[in-house]
C-alpha cells in the first residue's frame, strides 16, 4: 500500500493545477495526492468531493 503524506496546511508550496473549465476538481485533475490534498486543505468542507470516505485524506488512489 502506498504511504500517504499527512494533510498539508496549504502553505507548503505545492503547485496546484488551474481549476478545470467547469471549476470542479476531481482526482483526475491532479498528478499527485499532495496536489489534491493541498486543494482539500485550502477549501472549507469538501466542495470538490476529493475525500470520498471523509477521513481527511484527498484522492487516496493517487
PDB file of N, CA and C in Angstrom:
ATOM      1  N   UNK A   1       0.840  -1.177   0.000  1.00  0.00           N
ATOM      2  CA  UNK A   1       0.000   0.000   0.000  1.00  0.00           C
ATOM      3  C   UNK A   1       0.888   1.244   0.000  1.00  0.00           C
ATOM      4  N   UNK A   2       0.521   2.228  -0.797  1.00  0.00           N
ATOM      5  CA  UNK A   2       1.285   3.464  -0.909  1.00  0.00           C
ATOM      6  C   UNK A   2       1.158   4.278   0.373  1.00  0.00           C
ATOM      7  N   UNK A   3       2.283   4.793   0.840  1.00  0.00           N
ATOM      8  CA  UNK A   3       2.284   5.639   2.032  1.00  0.00           C
ATOM      9  C   UNK A   3       1.798   7.036   1.654  1.00  0.00           C
ATOM     10  N   UNK A   4       0.805   7.540   2.364  1.00  0.00           N
ATOM     11  CA  UNK A   4       0.272   8.872   2.097  1.00  0.00           C
ATOM     12  C   UNK A   4       0.870   9.867   3.071  1.00  0.00           C
ATOM     13  N   UNK A   5       1.084  11.045   2.565  1.00  0.00           N
ATOM     14  CA  UNK A   5       1.566  12.135   3.395  1.00  0.00           C
ATOM     15  C   UNK A   5       0.432  12.658   4.253  1.00  0.00           C
ATOM     16  N   UNK A   6       0.698  13.075   5.477  1.00  0.00           N
ATOM     17  CA  UNK A   6      -0.375  13.660   6.277  1.00  0.00           C
ATOM     18  C   UNK A   6      -0.917  14.919   5.614  1.00  0.00           C
ATOM     19  N   UNK A   7      -2.117  15.327   5.966  1.00  0.00           N
ATOM     20  CA  UNK A   7      -2.704  16.513   5.342  1.00  0.00           C
ATOM     21  C   UNK A   7      -1.780  17.727   5.422  1.00  0.00           C
ATOM     22  N   UNK A   8      -1.729  18.455   4.318  1.00  0.00           N
ATOM     23  CA  UNK A   8      -0.918  19.662   4.202  1.00  0.00           C
ATOM     24  C   UNK A   8      -1.655  20.842   4.816  1.00  0.00           C
ATOM     25  N   UNK A   9      -0.909  21.832   5.270  1.00  0.00           N
ATOM     26  CA  UNK A   9      -1.568  23.032   5.779  1.00  0.00           C
ATOM     27  C   UNK A   9      -1.851  24.032   4.662  1.00  0.00           C
ATOM     28  N   UNK A  10      -1.533  23.680   3.417  1.00  0.00           N
ATOM     29  CA  UNK A  10      -1.807  24.553   2.286  1.00  0.00           C
ATOM     30  C   UNK A  10      -0.767  25.637   2.085  1.00  0.00           C
ATOM     31  N   UNK A  11       0.286  25.616   2.867  1.00  0.00           N
ATOM     32  CA  UNK A  11       1.315  26.649   2.745  1.00  0.00           C
ATOM     33  C   UNK A  11       2.675  26.048   2.443  1.00  0.00           C
ATOM     34  N   UNK A  12       2.704  24.890   1.848  1.00  0.00           N
ATOM     35  CA  UNK A  12       3.976  24.207   1.639  1.00  0.00           C
ATOM     36  C   UNK A  12       4.525  24.355   0.222  1.00  0.00           C
ATOM     37  N   UNK A  13       3.964  25.249  -0.570  1.00  0.00           N
ATOM     38  CA  UNK A  13       4.484  25.496  -1.904  1.00  0.00           C
ATOM     39  C   UNK A  13       4.122  24.459  -2.943  1.00  0.00           C
ATOM     40  N   UNK A  14       3.101  23.679  -2.710  1.00  0.00           N
ATOM     41  CA  UNK A  14       2.666  22.670  -3.675  1.00  0.00           C
ATOM     42  C   UNK A  14       2.067  23.370  -4.886  1.00  0.00           C
ATOM     43  N   UNK A  15       2.524  22.999  -6.074  1.00  0.00           N
ATOM     44  CA  UNK A  15       1.960  23.548  -7.309  1.00  0.00           C
ATOM     45  C   UNK A  15       0.629  22.880  -7.587  1.00  0.00           C
ATOM     46  N   UNK A  16      -0.421  23.682  -7.648  1.00  0.00           N
ATOM     47  CA  UNK A  16      -1.768  23.173  -7.889  1.00  0.00           C
ATOM     48  C   UNK A  16      -2.165  23.514  -9.317  1.00  0.00           C
ATOM     49  N   UNK A  17      -2.674  22.537 -10.059  1.00  0.00           N
ATOM     50  CA  UNK A  17      -3.103  22.843 -11.425  1.00  0.00           C
ATOM     51  C   UNK A  17      -4.271  23.825 -11.418  1.00  0.00           C
ATOM     52  N   UNK A  18      -4.424  24.591 -12.503  1.00  0.00           N
ATOM     53  CA  UNK A  18      -5.568  25.507 -12.565  1.00  0.00           C
ATOM     54  C   UNK A  18      -6.874  24.719 -12.534  1.00  0.00           C
ATOM     55  N   UNK A  19      -7.933  25.334 -12.035  1.00  0.00           N
ATOM     56  CA  UNK A  19      -9.221  24.632 -12.000  1.00  0.00           C
ATOM     57  C   UNK A  19      -9.675  24.251 -13.406  1.00  0.00           C
ATOM     58  N   UNK A  20     -10.367  23.132 -13.547  1.00  0.00           N
ATOM     59  CA  UNK A  20     -10.935  22.748 -14.834  1.00  0.00           C
ATOM     60  C   UNK A  20     -11.935  23.807 -15.310  1.00  0.00           C
ATOM     61  N   UNK A  21     -12.299  23.740 -16.573  1.00  0.00           N
ATOM     62  CA  UNK A  21     -13.222  24.721 -17.163  1.00  0.00           C
ATOM     63  C   UNK A  21     -14.516  24.835 -16.368  1.00  0.00           C
ATOM     64  N   UNK A  22     -15.004  23.710 -15.835  1.00  0.00           N
ATOM     65  CA  UNK A  22     -16.257  23.750 -15.072  1.00  0.00           C
ATOM     66  C   UNK A  22     -16.038  24.154 -13.612  1.00  0.00           C
ATOM     67  N   UNK A  23     -14.766  24.362 -13.221  1.00  0.00           N
ATOM     68  CA  UNK A  23     -14.455  24.809 -11.869  1.00  0.00           C
ATOM     69  C   UNK A  23     -14.470  23.721 -10.817  1.00  0.00           C
ATOM     70  N   UNK A  24     -14.744  22.484 -11.206  1.00  0.00           N
ATOM     71  CA  UNK A  24     -14.875  21.396 -10.239  1.00  0.00           C
ATOM     72  C   UNK A  24     -13.734  20.401 -10.408  1.00  0.00           C
ATOM     73  N   UNK A  25     -12.771  20.437  -9.480  1.00  0.00           N
ATOM     74  CA  UNK A  25     -11.687  19.463  -9.493  1.00  0.00           C
ATOM     75  C   UNK A  25     -12.242  18.071  -9.216  1.00  0.00           C
ATOM     76  N   UNK A  26     -11.576  17.067  -9.768  1.00  0.00           N
ATOM     77  CA  UNK A  26     -11.760  15.692  -9.320  1.00  0.00           C
ATOM     78  C   UNK A  26     -10.368  15.073  -9.276  1.00  0.00           C
ATOM     79  N   UNK A  27     -10.264  13.869  -8.808  1.00  0.00           N
ATOM     80  CA  UNK A  27      -8.937  13.281  -8.606  1.00  0.00           C
ATOM     81  C   UNK A  27      -8.118  13.211  -9.893  1.00  0.00           C
ATOM     82  N   UNK A  28      -8.768  13.077 -11.026  1.00  0.00           N
ATOM     83  CA  UNK A  28      -8.028  13.026 -12.291  1.00  0.00           C
ATOM     84  C   UNK A  28      -7.450  14.386 -12.678  1.00  0.00           C
ATOM     85  N   UNK A  29      -7.804  15.439 -11.955  1.00  0.00           N
ATOM     86  CA  UNK A  29      -7.262  16.781 -12.209  1.00  0.00           C
ATOM     87  C   UNK A  29      -5.826  16.925 -11.700  1.00  0.00           C
ATOM     88  N   UNK A  30      -5.361  15.973 -10.897  1.00  0.00           N
ATOM     89  CA  UNK A  30      -4.078  16.091 -10.216  1.00  0.00           C
ATOM     90  C   UNK A  30      -3.105  15.010 -10.649  1.00  0.00           C
ATOM     91  N   UNK A  31      -1.811  15.368 -10.601  1.00  0.00           N
ATOM     92  CA  UNK A  31      -0.755  14.394 -10.875  1.00  0.00           C
ATOM     93  C   UNK A  31      -0.352  13.643  -9.612  1.00  0.00           C
ATOM     94  N   UNK A  32      -0.549  14.285  -8.456  1.00  0.00           N
ATOM     95  CA  UNK A  32      -0.129  13.670  -7.198  1.00  0.00           C
ATOM     96  C   UNK A  32      -1.200  13.831  -6.121  1.00  0.00           C
ATOM     97  N   UNK A  33      -1.126  12.963  -5.135  1.00  0.00           N
ATOM     98  CA  UNK A  33      -2.025  13.060  -3.988  1.00  0.00           C
ATOM     99  C   UNK A  33      -1.746  14.347  -3.227  1.00  0.00           C
ATOM    100  N   UNK A  34      -0.500  14.773  -3.197  1.00  0.00           N
ATOM    101  CA  UNK A  34      -0.120  16.004  -2.496  1.00  0.00           C
ATOM    102  C   UNK A  34      -0.855  17.219  -3.073  1.00  0.00           C
ATOM    103  N   UNK A  35      -0.999  17.287  -4.394  1.00  0.00           N
ATOM    104  CA  UNK A  35      -1.732  18.397  -5.019  1.00  0.00           C
ATOM    105  C   UNK A  35      -3.199  18.376  -4.595  1.00  0.00           C
ATOM    106  N   UNK A  36      -3.810  17.206  -4.662  1.00  0.00           N
ATOM    107  CA  UNK A  36      -5.218  17.085  -4.268  1.00  0.00           C
ATOM    108  C   UNK A  36      -5.394  17.447  -2.797  1.00  0.00           C
ATOM    109  N   UNK A  37      -4.452  17.016  -1.959  1.00  0.00           N
ATOM    110  CA  UNK A  37      -4.527  17.316  -0.530  1.00  0.00           C
ATOM    111  C   UNK A  37      -4.449  18.816  -0.286  1.00  0.00           C
ATOM    112  N   UNK A  38      -3.596  19.506  -1.034  1.00  0.00           N
ATOM    113  CA  UNK A  38      -3.468  20.958  -0.868  1.00  0.00           C
ATOM    114  C   UNK A  38      -4.784  21.655  -1.186  1.00  0.00           C
ATOM    115  N   UNK A  39      -5.489  21.197  -2.225  1.00  0.00           N
ATOM    116  CA  UNK A  39      -6.790  21.795  -2.559  1.00  0.00           C
ATOM    117  C   UNK A  39      -7.800  21.496  -1.455  1.00  0.00           C
ATOM    118  N   UNK A  40      -7.841  20.257  -0.986  1.00  0.00           N
ATOM    119  CA  UNK A  40      -8.766  19.907   0.094  1.00  0.00           C
ATOM    120  C   UNK A  40      -8.490  20.763   1.330  1.00  0.00           C
ATOM    121  N   UNK A  41      -7.223  20.928   1.668  1.00  0.00           N
ATOM    122  CA  UNK A  41      -6.853  21.693   2.861  1.00  0.00           C
ATOM    123  C   UNK A  41      -7.179  23.174   2.729  1.00  0.00           C
ATOM    124  N   UNK A  42      -7.199  23.688   1.523  1.00  0.00           N
ATOM    125  CA  UNK A  42      -7.434  25.124   1.299  1.00  0.00           C
ATOM    126  C   UNK A  42      -8.906  25.479   1.153  1.00  0.00           C
ATOM    127  N   UNK A  43      -9.776  24.488   1.100  1.00  0.00           N
ATOM    128  CA  UNK A  43     -11.201  24.768   0.931  1.00  0.00           C
ATOM    129  C   UNK A  43     -11.965  24.388   2.188  1.00  0.00           C
ATOM    130  N   UNK A  44     -13.053  25.074   2.418  1.00  0.00           N
ATOM    131  CA  UNK A  44     -13.912  24.772   3.551  1.00  0.00           C
ATOM    132  C   UNK A  44     -14.837  23.627   3.163  1.00  0.00           C
ATOM    133  N   UNK A  45     -14.861  22.591   3.962  1.00  0.00           N
ATOM    134  CA  UNK A  45     -15.653  21.415   3.608  1.00  0.00           C
ATOM    135  C   UNK A  45     -14.932  20.648   2.512  1.00  0.00           C
ATOM    136  N   UNK A  46     -15.685  19.993   1.672  1.00  0.00           N
ATOM    137  CA  UNK A  46     -15.104  19.233   0.559  1.00  0.00           C
ATOM    138  C   UNK A  46     -15.960  19.459  -0.688  1.00  0.00           C
ATOM    139  N   UNK A  47     -15.993  20.707  -1.201  1.00  0.00           N
ATOM    140  CA  UNK A  47     -16.883  21.009  -2.327  1.00  0.00           C
ATOM    141  C   UNK A  47     -16.547  20.242  -3.602  1.00  0.00           C
ATOM    142  N   UNK A  48     -15.302  19.774  -3.719  1.00  0.00           N
ATOM    143  CA  UNK A  48     -14.894  19.046  -4.926  1.00  0.00           C
ATOM    144  C   UNK A  48     -15.018  17.529  -4.756  1.00  0.00           C
ATOM    145  N   UNK A  49     -15.438  17.097  -3.576  1.00  0.00           N
ATOM    146  CA  UNK A  49     -15.606  15.673  -3.278  1.00  0.00           C
ATOM    147  C   UNK A  49     -14.304  14.886  -3.515  1.00  0.00           C
ATOM    148  N   UNK A  50     -13.216  15.409  -2.978  1.00  0.00           N
ATOM    149  CA  UNK A  50     -11.912  14.764  -3.122  1.00  0.00           C
ATOM    150  C   UNK A  50     -11.650  13.746  -2.016  1.00  0.00           C
ATOM    151  N   UNK A  51     -12.440  13.795  -0.960  1.00  0.00           N
ATOM    152  CA  UNK A  51     -12.269  12.910   0.196  1.00  0.00           C
ATOM    153  C   UNK A  51     -13.519  12.050   0.344  1.00  0.00           C
ATOM    154  N   UNK A  52     -13.614  11.028  -0.487  1.00  0.00           N
ATOM    155  CA  UNK A  52     -14.814  10.199  -0.550  1.00  0.00           C
ATOM    156  C   UNK A  52     -15.181   9.510   0.751  1.00  0.00           C
ATOM    157  N   UNK A  53     -14.193   9.150   1.572  1.00  0.00           N
ATOM    158  CA  UNK A  53     -14.513   8.445   2.820  1.00  0.00           C
ATOM    159  C   UNK A  53     -14.417   9.354   4.049  1.00  0.00           C
ATOM    160  N   UNK A  54     -14.271  10.650   3.823  1.00  0.00           N
ATOM    161  CA  UNK A  54     -14.313  11.659   4.891  1.00  0.00           C
ATOM    162  C   UNK A  54     -13.298  11.398   6.007  1.00  0.00           C
ATOM    163  N   UNK A  55     -12.087  10.951   5.610  1.00  0.00           N
ATOM    164  CA  UNK A  55     -11.049  10.716   6.617  1.00  0.00           C
ATOM    165  C   UNK A  55      -9.979  11.805   6.623  1.00  0.00           C
ATOM    166  N   UNK A  56     -10.198  12.868   5.826  1.00  0.00           N
ATOM    167  CA  UNK A  56      -9.251  13.974   5.786  1.00  0.00           C
ATOM    168  C   UNK A  56      -8.131  13.818   4.779  1.00  0.00           C
ATOM    169  N   UNK A  57      -8.121  12.697   4.041  1.00  0.00           N
ATOM    170  CA  UNK A  57      -7.084  12.451   3.037  1.00  0.00           C
ATOM    171  C   UNK A  57      -7.733  12.466   1.659  1.00  0.00           C
ATOM    172  N   UNK A  58      -7.251  13.355   0.796  1.00  0.00           N
ATOM    173  CA  UNK A  58      -7.811  13.510  -0.551  1.00  0.00           C
ATOM    174  C   UNK A  58      -7.252  12.468  -1.517  1.00  0.00           C
ATOM    175  N   UNK A  59      -8.090  12.021  -2.415  1.00  0.00           N
ATOM    176  CA  UNK A  59      -7.673  11.190  -3.563  1.00  0.00           C
ATOM    177  C   UNK A  59      -6.663  10.111  -3.175  1.00  0.00           C
ATOM    178  N   UNK A  60      -7.052   9.264  -2.279  1.00  0.00           N
ATOM    179  CA  UNK A  60      -6.151   8.229  -1.766  1.00  0.00           C
ATOM    180  C   UNK A  60      -5.650   7.278  -2.842  1.00  0.00           C
ATOM    181  N   UNK A  61      -6.312   7.229  -3.987  1.00  0.00           N
ATOM    182  CA  UNK A  61      -5.894   6.322  -5.055  1.00  0.00           C
ATOM    183  C   UNK A  61      -4.717   6.859  -5.867  1.00  0.00           C
ATOM    184  N   UNK A  62      -4.360   8.132  -5.673  1.00  0.00           N
ATOM    185  CA  UNK A  62      -3.232   8.706  -6.435  1.00  0.00           C
ATOM    186  C   UNK A  62      -1.902   8.269  -5.855  1.00  0.00           C
TER     187      UNK A  62
END
